[in-house]
């Protein structure tokens, strides 16, 4: 399954969208550590990784949108999905998997 994702630009985008979504959800674990237990290190690490993945997601979104001539509405959905918890997973199931 994962090997198949690497074959196309959309597949690579879907893979990064999944990993970026997971990194976003990790904040749900690291935020309580930071603010309730005064352990900021895990939040810092997750933040750096998530930031890098977010930039990669946006660059791949731009690339895939241009190469595949995505409609503006699809690009907008992909962008908004990256800002909402579980958004990339929902967008993958409803939008990206059909491309």
PDB file of N, CA and C in Angstrom:
ATOM      1  N   UNK A   1       0.831  -1.205   0.000  1.00  0.00           N
ATOM      2  CA  UNK A   1       0.000   0.000   0.000  1.00  0.00           C
ATOM      3  C   UNK A   1       0.864   1.253   0.000  1.00  0.00           C
ATOM      4  N   UNK A   2       1.787   1.366   0.954  1.00  0.00           N
ATOM      5  CA  UNK A   2       2.612   2.579   1.048  1.00  0.00           C
ATOM      6  C   UNK A   2       3.499   2.710  -0.175  1.00  0.00           C
ATOM      7  N   UNK A   3       3.989   1.575  -0.688  1.00  0.00           N
ATOM      8  CA  UNK A   3       4.833   1.604  -1.879  1.00  0.00           C
ATOM      9  C   UNK A   3       4.087   2.225  -3.065  1.00  0.00           C
ATOM     10  N   UNK A   4       2.799   1.946  -3.153  1.00  0.00           N
ATOM     11  CA  UNK A   4       1.970   2.488  -4.229  1.00  0.00           C
ATOM     12  C   UNK A   4       1.855   4.013  -4.136  1.00  0.00           C
ATOM     13  N   UNK A   5       1.855   4.538  -2.906  1.00  0.00           N
ATOM     14  CA  UNK A   5       1.698   5.987  -2.726  1.00  0.00           C
ATOM     15  C   UNK A   5       2.877   6.771  -3.294  1.00  0.00           C
ATOM     16  N   UNK A   6       4.061   6.177  -3.308  1.00  0.00           N
ATOM     17  CA  UNK A   6       5.242   6.887  -3.783  1.00  0.00           C
ATOM     18  C   UNK A   6       5.305   7.022  -5.301  1.00  0.00           C
ATOM     19  N   UNK A   7       4.432   6.327  -6.016  1.00  0.00           N
ATOM     20  CA  UNK A   7       4.518   6.299  -7.474  1.00  0.00           C
ATOM     21  C   UNK A   7       4.015   7.575  -8.141  1.00  0.00           C
ATOM     22  N   UNK A   8       3.105   8.286  -7.502  1.00  0.00           N
ATOM     23  CA  UNK A   8       2.557   9.498  -8.118  1.00  0.00           C
ATOM     24  C   UNK A   8       2.731  10.690  -7.174  1.00  0.00           C
ATOM     25  N   UNK A   9       2.623  11.878  -7.752  1.00  0.00           N
ATOM     26  CA  UNK A   9       2.719  13.097  -6.946  1.00  0.00           C
ATOM     27  C   UNK A   9       1.564  13.176  -5.950  1.00  0.00           C
ATOM     28  N   UNK A  10       0.374  12.793  -6.380  1.00  0.00           N
ATOM     29  CA  UNK A  10      -0.783  12.805  -5.477  1.00  0.00           C
ATOM     30  C   UNK A  10      -0.580  11.792  -4.357  1.00  0.00           C
ATOM     31  N   UNK A  11      -0.008  10.651  -4.680  1.00  0.00           N
ATOM     32  CA  UNK A  11       0.272   9.647  -3.660  1.00  0.00           C
ATOM     33  C   UNK A  11       1.252  10.150  -2.617  1.00  0.00           C
ATOM     34  N   UNK A  12       2.307  10.818  -3.062  1.00  0.00           N
ATOM     35  CA  UNK A  12       3.280  11.388  -2.116  1.00  0.00           C
ATOM     36  C   UNK A  12       2.624  12.478  -1.272  1.00  0.00           C
ATOM     37  N   UNK A  13       1.764  13.265  -1.906  1.00  0.00           N
ATOM     38  CA  UNK A  13       1.039  14.297  -1.160  1.00  0.00           C
ATOM     39  C   UNK A  13       0.142  13.665  -0.100  1.00  0.00           C
ATOM     40  N   UNK A  14      -0.576  12.594  -0.453  1.00  0.00           N
ATOM     41  CA  UNK A  14      -1.449  11.912   0.504  1.00  0.00           C
ATOM     42  C   UNK A  14      -0.653  11.365   1.687  1.00  0.00           C
ATOM     43  N   UNK A  15       0.524  10.822   1.411  1.00  0.00           N
ATOM     44  CA  UNK A  15       1.367  10.285   2.477  1.00  0.00           C
ATOM     45  C   UNK A  15       1.812  11.396   3.428  1.00  0.00           C
ATOM     46  N   UNK A  16       2.269  12.505   2.876  1.00  0.00           N
ATOM     47  CA  UNK A  16       2.688  13.639   3.709  1.00  0.00           C
ATOM     48  C   UNK A  16       1.486  14.217   4.450  1.00  0.00           C
ATOM     49  N   UNK A  17       0.319  14.245   3.815  1.00  0.00           N
ATOM     50  CA  UNK A  17      -0.887  14.736   4.491  1.00  0.00           C
ATOM     51  C   UNK A  17      -1.202  13.874   5.710  1.00  0.00           C
ATOM     52  N   UNK A  18      -1.043  12.563   5.575  1.00  0.00           N
ATOM     53  CA  UNK A  18      -1.296  11.663   6.704  1.00  0.00           C
ATOM     54  C   UNK A  18      -0.304  11.915   7.836  1.00  0.00           C
ATOM     55  N   UNK A  19       0.972  12.009   7.501  1.00  0.00           N
ATOM     56  CA  UNK A  19       2.002  12.218   8.529  1.00  0.00           C
ATOM     57  C   UNK A  19       1.836  13.590   9.175  1.00  0.00           C
ATOM     58  N   UNK A  20       1.519  14.602   8.376  1.00  0.00           N
ATOM     59  CA  UNK A  20       1.300  15.945   8.918  1.00  0.00           C
ATOM     60  C   UNK A  20       0.099  15.953   9.857  1.00  0.00           C
ATOM     61  N   UNK A  21      -0.952  15.247   9.490  1.00  0.00           N
ATOM     62  CA  UNK A  21      -2.131  15.140  10.347  1.00  0.00           C
ATOM     63  C   UNK A  21      -1.807  14.456  11.666  1.00  0.00           C
ATOM     64  N   UNK A  22      -0.988  13.419  11.603  1.00  0.00           N
ATOM     65  CA  UNK A  22      -0.566  12.724  12.835  1.00  0.00           C
ATOM     66  C   UNK A  22       0.257  13.645  13.730  1.00  0.00           C
ATOM     67  N   UNK A  23       1.159  14.409  13.112  1.00  0.00           N
ATOM     68  CA  UNK A  23       1.986  15.321  13.919  1.00  0.00           C
ATOM     69  C   UNK A  23       1.123  16.389  14.581  1.00  0.00           C
ATOM     70  N   UNK A  24       0.070  16.826  13.888  1.00  0.00           N
ATOM     71  CA  UNK A  24      -0.852  17.811  14.456  1.00  0.00           C
ATOM     72  C   UNK A  24      -1.567  17.230  15.680  1.00  0.00           C
ATOM     73  N   UNK A  25      -1.999  15.981  15.559  1.00  0.00           N
ATOM     74  CA  UNK A  25      -2.702  15.345  16.669  1.00  0.00           C
ATOM     75  C   UNK A  25      -1.788  15.075  17.865  1.00  0.00           C
ATOM     76  N   UNK A  26      -0.498  14.940  17.622  1.00  0.00           N
ATOM     77  CA  UNK A  26       0.439  14.737  18.734  1.00  0.00           C
ATOM     78  C   UNK A  26       0.447  15.919  19.703  1.00  0.00           C
ATOM     79  N   UNK A  27       0.067  17.079  19.211  1.00  0.00           N
ATOM     80  CA  UNK A  27      -0.039  18.226  20.120  1.00  0.00           C
ATOM     81  C   UNK A  27      -1.049  17.957  21.234  1.00  0.00           C
ATOM     82  N   UNK A  28      -2.032  17.116  20.962  1.00  0.00           N
ATOM     83  CA  UNK A  28      -3.001  16.748  21.993  1.00  0.00           C
ATOM     84  C   UNK A  28      -2.358  16.034  23.170  1.00  0.00           C
ATOM     85  N   UNK A  29      -1.226  15.389  22.923  1.00  0.00           N
ATOM     86  CA  UNK A  29      -0.474  14.741  24.002  1.00  0.00           C
ATOM     87  C   UNK A  29       0.554  15.668  24.629  1.00  0.00           C
ATOM     88  N   UNK A  30       1.200  16.467  23.800  1.00  0.00           N
ATOM     89  CA  UNK A  30       2.304  17.279  24.316  1.00  0.00           C
ATOM     90  C   UNK A  30       1.860  18.573  24.994  1.00  0.00           C
ATOM     91  N   UNK A  31       0.720  19.110  24.619  1.00  0.00           N
ATOM     92  CA  UNK A  31       0.244  20.337  25.272  1.00  0.00           C
ATOM     93  C   UNK A  31      -0.026  20.145  26.762  1.00  0.00           C
ATOM     94  N   UNK A  32      -0.704  19.072  27.179  1.00  0.00           N
ATOM     95  CA  UNK A  32      -0.865  18.869  28.627  1.00  0.00           C
ATOM     96  C   UNK A  32       0.474  18.682  29.347  1.00  0.00           C
ATOM     97  N   UNK A  33       1.407  18.017  28.661  1.00  0.00           N
ATOM     98  CA  UNK A  33       2.732  17.873  29.284  1.00  0.00           C
ATOM     99  C   UNK A  33       3.368  19.233  29.528  1.00  0.00           C
ATOM    100  N   UNK A  34       3.224  20.108  28.553  1.00  0.00           N
ATOM    101  CA  UNK A  34       3.837  21.433  28.666  1.00  0.00           C
ATOM    102  C   UNK A  34       3.141  22.290  29.719  1.00  0.00           C
ATOM    103  N   UNK A  35       1.830  22.356  29.670  1.00  0.00           N
ATOM    104  CA  UNK A  35       1.116  23.318  30.508  1.00  0.00           C
ATOM    105  C   UNK A  35       0.669  22.770  31.859  1.00  0.00           C
ATOM    106  N   UNK A  36       0.429  21.486  31.965  1.00  0.00           N
ATOM    107  CA  UNK A  36       0.009  20.933  33.257  1.00  0.00           C
ATOM    108  C   UNK A  36       1.181  20.416  34.083  1.00  0.00           C
ATOM    109  N   UNK A  37       2.151  19.802  33.374  1.00  0.00           N
ATOM    110  CA  UNK A  37       3.249  19.168  34.093  1.00  0.00           C
ATOM    111  C   UNK A  37       4.588  19.890  33.938  1.00  0.00           C
ATOM    112  N   UNK A  38       4.574  21.017  33.227  1.00  0.00           N
ATOM    113  CA  UNK A  38       5.771  21.842  33.037  1.00  0.00           C
ATOM    114  C   UNK A  38       6.915  21.066  32.385  1.00  0.00           C
ATOM    115  N   UNK A  39       6.569  20.244  31.386  1.00  0.00           N
ATOM    116  CA  UNK A  39       7.569  19.508  30.610  1.00  0.00           C
ATOM    117  C   UNK A  39       7.458  19.989  29.162  1.00  0.00           C
ATOM    118  N   UNK A  40       8.197  21.030  28.776  1.00  0.00           N
ATOM    119  CA  UNK A  40       8.014  21.620  27.449  1.00  0.00           C
ATOM    120  C   UNK A  40       8.745  20.909  26.304  1.00  0.00           C
ATOM    121  N   UNK A  41       9.715  20.075  26.614  1.00  0.00           N
ATOM    122  CA  UNK A  41      10.557  19.498  25.568  1.00  0.00           C
ATOM    123  C   UNK A  41       9.787  18.711  24.504  1.00  0.00           C
ATOM    124  N   UNK A  42       8.873  17.793  24.892  1.00  0.00           N
ATOM    125  CA  UNK A  42       8.144  17.063  23.831  1.00  0.00           C
ATOM    126  C   UNK A  42       7.338  17.993  22.916  1.00  0.00           C
ATOM    127  N   UNK A  43       6.779  19.029  23.475  1.00  0.00           N
ATOM    128  CA  UNK A  43       6.000  19.972  22.672  1.00  0.00           C
ATOM    129  C   UNK A  43       6.902  20.705  21.682  1.00  0.00           C
ATOM    130  N   UNK A  44       8.114  21.028  22.116  1.00  0.00           N
ATOM    131  CA  UNK A  44       9.065  21.702  21.232  1.00  0.00           C
ATOM    132  C   UNK A  44       9.422  20.793  20.053  1.00  0.00           C
ATOM    133  N   UNK A  45       9.730  19.546  20.349  1.00  0.00           N
ATOM    134  CA  UNK A  45      10.111  18.600  19.293  1.00  0.00           C
ATOM    135  C   UNK A  45       8.959  18.389  18.315  1.00  0.00           C
ATOM    136  N   UNK A  46       7.773  18.147  18.843  1.00  0.00           N
ATOM    137  CA  UNK A  46       6.601  17.957  17.976  1.00  0.00           C
ATOM    138  C   UNK A  46       6.340  19.222  17.159  1.00  0.00           C
ATOM    139  N   UNK A  47       6.530  20.387  17.774  1.00  0.00           N
ATOM    140  CA  UNK A  47       6.318  21.649  17.065  1.00  0.00           C
ATOM    141  C   UNK A  47       7.261  21.832  15.895  1.00  0.00           C
ATOM    142  N   UNK A  48       8.529  21.497  16.097  1.00  0.00           N
ATOM    143  CA  UNK A  48       9.516  21.631  15.022  1.00  0.00           C
ATOM    144  C   UNK A  48       9.199  20.655  13.889  1.00  0.00           C
ATOM    145  N   UNK A  49       8.918  19.417  14.245  1.00  0.00           N
ATOM    146  CA  UNK A  49       8.596  18.402  13.232  1.00  0.00           C
ATOM    147  C   UNK A  49       7.317  18.785  12.489  1.00  0.00           C
ATOM    148  N   UNK A  50       6.296  19.176  13.237  1.00  0.00           N
ATOM    149  CA  UNK A  50       5.030  19.558  12.613  1.00  0.00           C
ATOM    150  C   UNK A  50       5.212  20.766  11.690  1.00  0.00           C
ATOM    151  N   UNK A  51       5.995  21.731  12.114  1.00  0.00           N
ATOM    152  CA  UNK A  51       6.244  22.906  11.272  1.00  0.00           C
ATOM    153  C   UNK A  51       6.893  22.526   9.952  1.00  0.00           C
ATOM    154  N   UNK A  52       7.886  21.649  10.004  1.00  0.00           N
ATOM    155  CA  UNK A  52       8.541  21.186   8.780  1.00  0.00           C
ATOM    156  C   UNK A  52       7.584  20.418   7.881  1.00  0.00           C
ATOM    157  N   UNK A  53       6.779  19.556   8.491  1.00  0.00           N
ATOM    158  CA  UNK A  53       5.805  18.790   7.713  1.00  0.00           C
ATOM    159  C   UNK A  53       4.732  19.694   7.109  1.00  0.00           C
ATOM    160  N   UNK A  54       4.346  20.737   7.835  1.00  0.00           N
ATOM    161  CA  UNK A  54       3.351  21.674   7.319  1.00  0.00           C
ATOM    162  C   UNK A  54       3.894  22.403   6.086  1.00  0.00           C
ATOM    163  N   UNK A  55       5.144  22.838   6.158  1.00  0.00           N
ATOM    164  CA  UNK A  55       5.761  23.507   5.009  1.00  0.00           C
ATOM    165  C   UNK A  55       5.840  22.544   3.827  1.00  0.00           C
ATOM    166  N   UNK A  56       6.254  21.314   4.082  1.00  0.00           N
ATOM    167  CA  UNK A  56       6.321  20.316   3.025  1.00  0.00           C
ATOM    168  C   UNK A  56       4.937  20.043   2.426  1.00  0.00           C
ATOM    169  N   UNK A  57       3.932  19.955   3.280  1.00  0.00           N
ATOM    170  CA  UNK A  57       2.547  19.759   2.831  1.00  0.00           C
ATOM    171  C   UNK A  57       2.138  20.900   1.896  1.00  0.00           C
ATOM    172  N   UNK A  58       2.424  22.131   2.279  1.00  0.00           N
ATOM    173  CA  UNK A  58       2.029  23.279   1.454  1.00  0.00           C
ATOM    174  C   UNK A  58       2.778  23.292   0.121  1.00  0.00           C
ATOM    175  N   UNK A  59       4.063  22.964   0.146  1.00  0.00           N
ATOM    176  CA  UNK A  59       4.827  22.917  -1.103  1.00  0.00           C
ATOM    177  C   UNK A  59       4.304  21.819  -2.023  1.00  0.00           C
ATOM    178  N   UNK A  60       4.027  20.656  -1.451  1.00  0.00           N
ATOM    179  CA  UNK A  60       3.473  19.567  -2.255  1.00  0.00           C
ATOM    180  C   UNK A  60       2.074  19.897  -2.758  1.00  0.00           C
ATOM    181  N   UNK A  61       1.298  20.575  -1.943  1.00  0.00           N
ATOM    182  CA  UNK A  61      -0.039  21.005  -2.377  1.00  0.00           C
ATOM    183  C   UNK A  61       0.077  21.899  -3.604  1.00  0.00           C
ATOM    184  N   UNK A  62       0.971  22.855  -3.553  1.00  0.00           N
ATOM    185  CA  UNK A  62       1.185  23.749  -4.693  1.00  0.00           C
ATOM    186  C   UNK A  62       1.628  22.966  -5.924  1.00  0.00           C
ATOM    187  N   UNK A  63       2.594  22.071  -5.729  1.00  0.00           N
ATOM    188  CA  UNK A  63       3.108  21.273  -6.848  1.00  0.00           C
ATOM    189  C   UNK A  63       2.014  20.400  -7.461  1.00  0.00           C
ATOM    190  N   UNK A  64       1.310  19.647  -6.628  1.00  0.00           N
ATOM    191  CA  UNK A  64       0.270  18.728  -7.103  1.00  0.00           C
ATOM    192  C   UNK A  64      -0.865  19.508  -7.769  1.00  0.00           C
ATOM    193  N   UNK A  65      -1.212  20.645  -7.203  1.00  0.00           N
ATOM    194  CA  UNK A  65      -2.299  21.452  -7.764  1.00  0.00           C
ATOM    195  C   UNK A  65      -1.947  21.945  -9.164  1.00  0.00           C
ATOM    196  N   UNK A  66      -0.702  22.344  -9.350  1.00  0.00           N
ATOM    197  CA  UNK A  66      -0.280  22.840 -10.667  1.00  0.00           C
ATOM    198  C   UNK A  66      -0.177  21.687 -11.665  1.00  0.00           C
ATOM    199  N   UNK A  67       0.491  20.615 -11.263  1.00  0.00           N
ATOM    200  CA  UNK A  67       0.709  19.485 -12.171  1.00  0.00           C
ATOM    201  C   UNK A  67      -0.610  18.833 -12.583  1.00  0.00           C
ATOM    202  N   UNK A  68      -1.526  18.681 -11.635  1.00  0.00           N
ATOM    203  CA  UNK A  68      -2.790  18.001 -11.922  1.00  0.00           C
ATOM    204  C   UNK A  68      -3.940  18.950 -12.255  1.00  0.00           C
ATOM    205  N   UNK A  69      -3.630  20.243 -12.315  1.00  0.00           N
ATOM    206  CA  UNK A  69      -4.623  21.261 -12.661  1.00  0.00           C
ATOM    207  C   UNK A  69      -5.871  21.161 -11.783  1.00  0.00           C
ATOM    208  N   UNK A  70      -5.623  21.151 -10.468  1.00  0.00           N
ATOM    209  CA  UNK A  70      -6.733  21.081  -9.516  1.00  0.00           C
ATOM    210  C   UNK A  70      -7.557  22.356  -9.564  1.00  0.00           C
ATOM    211  N   UNK A  71      -8.841  22.213  -9.310  1.00  0.00           N
ATOM    212  CA  UNK A  71      -9.727  23.370  -9.205  1.00  0.00           C
ATOM    213  C   UNK A  71      -9.382  24.155  -7.937  1.00  0.00           C
ATOM    214  N   UNK A  72      -9.740  25.423  -7.956  1.00  0.00           N
ATOM    215  CA  UNK A  72      -9.482  26.276  -6.790  1.00  0.00           C
ATOM    216  C   UNK A  72     -10.182  25.723  -5.551  1.00  0.00           C
ATOM    217  N   UNK A  73     -11.369  25.162  -5.730  1.00  0.00           N
ATOM    218  CA  UNK A  73     -12.113  24.621  -4.587  1.00  0.00           C
ATOM    219  C   UNK A  73     -11.376  23.444  -3.949  1.00  0.00           C
ATOM    220  N   UNK A  74     -10.747  22.602  -4.762  1.00  0.00           N
ATOM    221  CA  UNK A  74      -9.983  21.470  -4.229  1.00  0.00           C
ATOM    222  C   UNK A  74      -8.759  21.959  -3.472  1.00  0.00           C
ATOM    223  N   UNK A  75      -8.096  22.956  -4.009  1.00  0.00           N
ATOM    224  CA  UNK A  75      -6.927  23.536  -3.337  1.00  0.00           C
ATOM    225  C   UNK A  75      -7.349  24.148  -2.007  1.00  0.00           C
ATOM    226  N   UNK A  76      -8.464  24.833  -2.000  1.00  0.00           N
ATOM    227  CA  UNK A  76      -8.966  25.454  -0.774  1.00  0.00           C
ATOM    228  C   UNK A  76      -9.298  24.401   0.279  1.00  0.00           C
ATOM    229  N   UNK A  77      -9.939  23.324  -0.137  1.00  0.00           N
ATOM    230  CA  UNK A  77     -10.261  22.239   0.793  1.00  0.00           C
ATOM    231  C   UNK A  77      -8.982  21.654   1.382  1.00  0.00           C
ATOM    232  N   UNK A  78      -7.984  21.434   0.531  1.00  0.00           N
ATOM    233  CA  UNK A  78      -6.716  20.874   1.003  1.00  0.00           C
ATOM    234  C   UNK A  78      -6.036  21.817   1.990  1.00  0.00           C
ATOM    235  N   UNK A  79      -6.100  23.120   1.722  1.00  0.00           N
ATOM    236  CA  UNK A  79      -5.491  24.091   2.627  1.00  0.00           C
ATOM    237  C   UNK A  79      -6.219  24.119   3.969  1.00  0.00           C
ATOM    238  N   UNK A  80      -7.529  24.219   3.937  1.00  0.00           N
ATOM    239  CA  UNK A  80      -8.317  24.275   5.172  1.00  0.00           C
ATOM    240  C   UNK A  80      -8.168  22.980   5.968  1.00  0.00           C
ATOM    241  N   UNK A  81      -8.059  21.857   5.269  1.00  0.00           N
ATOM    242  CA  UNK A  81      -7.895  20.565   5.954  1.00  0.00           C
ATOM    243  C   UNK A  81      -6.636  20.537   6.806  1.00  0.00           C
ATOM    244  N   UNK A  82      -5.613  21.245   6.383  1.00  0.00           N
ATOM    245  CA  UNK A  82      -4.359  21.243   7.142  1.00  0.00           C
ATOM    246  C   UNK A  82      -4.465  22.065   8.430  1.00  0.00           C
ATOM    247  N   UNK A  83      -5.497  22.862   8.558  1.00  0.00           N
ATOM    248  CA  UNK A  83      -5.651  23.728   9.729  1.00  0.00           C
ATOM    249  C   UNK A  83      -6.579  23.150  10.791  1.00  0.00           C
ATOM    250  N   UNK A  84      -7.297  22.090  10.454  1.00  0.00           N
ATOM    251  CA  UNK A  84      -8.313  21.522  11.345  1.00  0.00           C
ATOM    252  C   UNK A  84      -7.842  20.144  11.825  1.00  0.00           C
ATOM    253  N   UNK A  85      -7.936  19.870  13.127  1.00  0.00           N
ATOM    254  CA  UNK A  85      -7.598  18.513  13.580  1.00  0.00           C
ATOM    255  C   UNK A  85      -8.443  17.473  12.835  1.00  0.00           C
ATOM    256  N   UNK A  86      -7.819  16.404  12.420  1.00  0.00           N
ATOM    257  CA  UNK A  86      -8.423  15.327  11.635  1.00  0.00           C
ATOM    258  C   UNK A  86      -8.789  15.765  10.211  1.00  0.00           C
ATOM    259  N   UNK A  87      -8.514  17.011   9.856  1.00  0.00           N
ATOM    260  CA  UNK A  87      -8.884  17.529   8.538  1.00  0.00           C
ATOM    261  C   UNK A  87      -8.195  16.816   7.395  1.00  0.00           C
ATOM    262  N   UNK A  88      -6.906  16.526   7.539  1.00  0.00           N
ATOM    263  CA  UNK A  88      -6.194  15.866   6.439  1.00  0.00           C
ATOM    264  C   UNK A  88      -6.690  14.440   6.238  1.00  0.00           C
ATOM    265  N   UNK A  89      -7.125  13.790   7.314  1.00  0.00           N
ATOM    266  CA  UNK A  89      -7.639  12.418   7.191  1.00  0.00           C
ATOM    267  C   UNK A  89      -8.984  12.414   6.460  1.00  0.00           C
ATOM    268  N   UNK A  90      -9.826  13.361   6.816  1.00  0.00           N
ATOM    269  CA  UNK A  90     -11.139  13.470   6.169  1.00  0.00           C
ATOM    270  C   UNK A  90     -10.976  13.854   4.697  1.00  0.00           C
ATOM    271  N   UNK A  91     -10.100  14.830   4.435  1.00  0.00           N
ATOM    272  CA  UNK A  91      -9.873  15.259   3.049  1.00  0.00           C
ATOM    273  C   UNK A  91      -9.287  14.116   2.222  1.00  0.00           C
ATOM    274  N   UNK A  92      -8.432  13.313   2.827  1.00  0.00           N
ATOM    275  CA  UNK A  92      -7.859  12.189   2.098  1.00  0.00           C
ATOM    276  C   UNK A  92      -8.946  11.208   1.686  1.00  0.00           C
ATOM    277  N   UNK A  93      -9.825  10.906   2.607  1.00  0.00           N
ATOM    278  CA  UNK A  93     -10.888   9.938   2.326  1.00  0.00           C
ATOM    279  C   UNK A  93     -11.897  10.462   1.306  1.00  0.00           C
ATOM    280  N   UNK A  94     -12.256  11.740   1.426  1.00  0.00           N
ATOM    281  CA  UNK A  94     -13.325  12.288   0.579  1.00  0.00           C
ATOM    282  C   UNK A  94     -12.824  12.939  -0.715  1.00  0.00           C
ATOM    283  N   UNK A  95     -11.576  13.421  -0.730  1.00  0.00           N
ATOM    284  CA  UNK A  95     -11.100  14.169  -1.901  1.00  0.00           C
ATOM    285  C   UNK A  95      -9.863  13.535  -2.531  1.00  0.00           C
ATOM    286  N   UNK A  96      -8.776  13.402  -1.776  1.00  0.00           N
ATOM    287  CA  UNK A  96      -7.490  13.004  -2.352  1.00  0.00           C
ATOM    288  C   UNK A  96      -7.495  11.579  -2.884  1.00  0.00           C
ATOM    289  N   UNK A  97      -8.196  10.664  -2.239  1.00  0.00           N
ATOM    290  CA  UNK A  97      -8.184   9.260  -2.658  1.00  0.00           C
ATOM    291  C   UNK A  97      -8.881   9.072  -4.013  1.00  0.00           C
ATOM    292  N   UNK A  98      -9.683  10.027  -4.415  1.00  0.00           N
ATOM    293  CA  UNK A  98     -10.408   9.915  -5.677  1.00  0.00           C
ATOM    294  C   UNK A  98      -9.644  10.497  -6.865  1.00  0.00           C
ATOM    295  N   UNK A  99      -8.455  10.985  -6.596  1.00  0.00           N
ATOM    296  CA  UNK A  99      -7.683  11.644  -7.671  1.00  0.00           C
ATOM    297  C   UNK A  99      -6.613  10.735  -8.210  1.00  0.00           C
TER     298      UNK A  99
END
